[in-house]
Amino acid sequence: MNCPTCDYEFDPSRGLQCPRCGEALDCGEIGCSNCDACDSLFEQLGQRIRPK
């Protein structure tokens, strides 16, 4: 995925903080199609229906 702040491409499965600029992203701010950090469809659904 690309960081929306600095456009650096990084692997979200290692965490949602950009290693270049330090921007911490929230699952609610990005779509699953842009992130791909969740292992399964069930995990993606859980992220969408959990209260914040």
C-alpha atoms as a PDB file:
ATOM      1  CA  MET A   1       0.000   0.000   0.000  1.00  0.00           C
ATOM      2  CA  ASN A   2       1.054   3.589  -0.477  1.00  0.00           C
ATOM      3  CA  CYS A   3       1.139   6.053   2.397  1.00  0.00           C
ATOM      4  CA  PRO A   4      -1.399   8.830   1.734  1.00  0.00           C
ATOM      5  CA  THR A   5       0.973  11.394   3.273  1.00  0.00           C
ATOM      6  CA  CYS A   6       4.313  10.718   1.582  1.00  0.00           C
ATOM      7  CA  ASP A   7       3.323   8.125  -1.077  1.00  0.00           C
ATOM      8  CA  TYR A   8       5.909   5.624   0.203  1.00  0.00           C
ATOM      9  CA  GLU A   9       4.962   2.024  -0.629  1.00  0.00           C
ATOM     10  CA  PHE A  10       5.108  -0.362   2.347  1.00  0.00           C
ATOM     11  CA  ASP A  11       3.724  -3.717   3.502  1.00  0.00           C
ATOM     12  CA  PRO A  12       0.682  -3.095   5.751  1.00  0.00           C
ATOM     13  CA  SER A  13       0.801  -6.621   7.200  1.00  0.00           C
ATOM     14  CA  ARG A  14       3.792  -5.459   9.264  1.00  0.00           C
ATOM     15  CA  GLY A  15       1.823  -2.590  10.745  1.00  0.00           C
ATOM     16  CA  LEU A  16      -0.160   0.399   9.599  1.00  0.00           C
ATOM     17  CA  GLN A  17       2.518   2.964  10.418  1.00  0.00           C
ATOM     18  CA  CYS A  18       4.519   4.302   7.492  1.00  0.00           C
ATOM     19  CA  PRO A  19       8.206   3.476   7.991  1.00  0.00           C
ATOM     20  CA  ARG A  20       9.268   6.620   6.116  1.00  0.00           C
ATOM     21  CA  CYS A  21       7.211   9.455   7.600  1.00  0.00           C
ATOM     22  CA  GLY A  22       5.720   7.748  10.671  1.00  0.00           C
ATOM     23  CA  GLU A  23       2.094   8.427   9.722  1.00  0.00           C
ATOM     24  CA  ALA A  24      -0.147   6.018  11.658  1.00  0.00           C
ATOM     25  CA  LEU A  25      -3.088   4.893   9.566  1.00  0.00           C
ATOM     26  CA  ASP A  26      -6.410   3.570  10.788  1.00  0.00           C
ATOM     27  CA  CYS A  27      -8.246   0.687   9.120  1.00  0.00           C
ATOM     28  CA  GLY A  28     -11.320   2.900   8.906  1.00  0.00           C
ATOM     29  CA  GLU A  29      -9.427   5.480   6.829  1.00  0.00           C
ATOM     30  CA  ILE A  30      -8.386   3.084   4.086  1.00  0.00           C
ATOM     31  CA  GLY A  31     -10.260   0.444   2.142  1.00  0.00           C
ATOM     32  CA  CYS A  32      -9.382  -3.237   2.278  1.00  0.00           C
ATOM     33  CA  SER A  33      -8.665  -3.216  -1.457  1.00  0.00           C
ATOM     34  CA  ASN A  34      -5.920  -0.615  -0.861  1.00  0.00           C
ATOM     35  CA  CYS A  35      -4.498  -2.213   2.259  1.00  0.00           C
ATOM     36  CA  ASP A  36      -4.542  -6.048   2.098  1.00  0.00           C
ATOM     37  CA  ALA A  37      -3.167  -6.393   5.651  1.00  0.00           C
ATOM     38  CA  CYS A  38      -5.954  -8.722   6.777  1.00  0.00           C
ATOM     39  CA  ASP A  39      -5.302 -12.395   6.126  1.00  0.00           C
ATOM     40  CA  SER A  40      -8.822 -13.475   5.353  1.00  0.00           C
ATOM     41  CA  LEU A  41     -12.214 -12.258   4.236  1.00  0.00           C
ATOM     42  CA  PHE A  42     -13.554 -12.957   7.753  1.00  0.00           C
ATOM     43  CA  GLU A  43     -10.897 -10.730   9.305  1.00  0.00           C
ATOM     44  CA  GLN A  44     -11.768  -7.977   6.818  1.00  0.00           C
ATOM     45  CA  LEU A  45     -15.453  -8.280   7.721  1.00  0.00           C
ATOM     46  CA  GLY A  46     -14.571  -8.106  11.426  1.00  0.00           C
ATOM     47  CA  GLN A  47     -12.682  -4.858  10.863  1.00  0.00           C
ATOM     48  CA  ARG A  48     -15.709  -3.358   9.129  1.00  0.00           C
ATOM     49  CA  ILE A  49     -18.354  -4.314  11.699  1.00  0.00           C
ATOM     50  CA  ARG A  50     -16.429  -3.747  14.944  1.00  0.00           C
ATOM     51  CA  PRO A  51     -17.414  -0.574  16.759  1.00  0.00           C
ATOM     52  CA  LYS A  52     -14.746   2.096  17.002  1.00  0.00           C
END
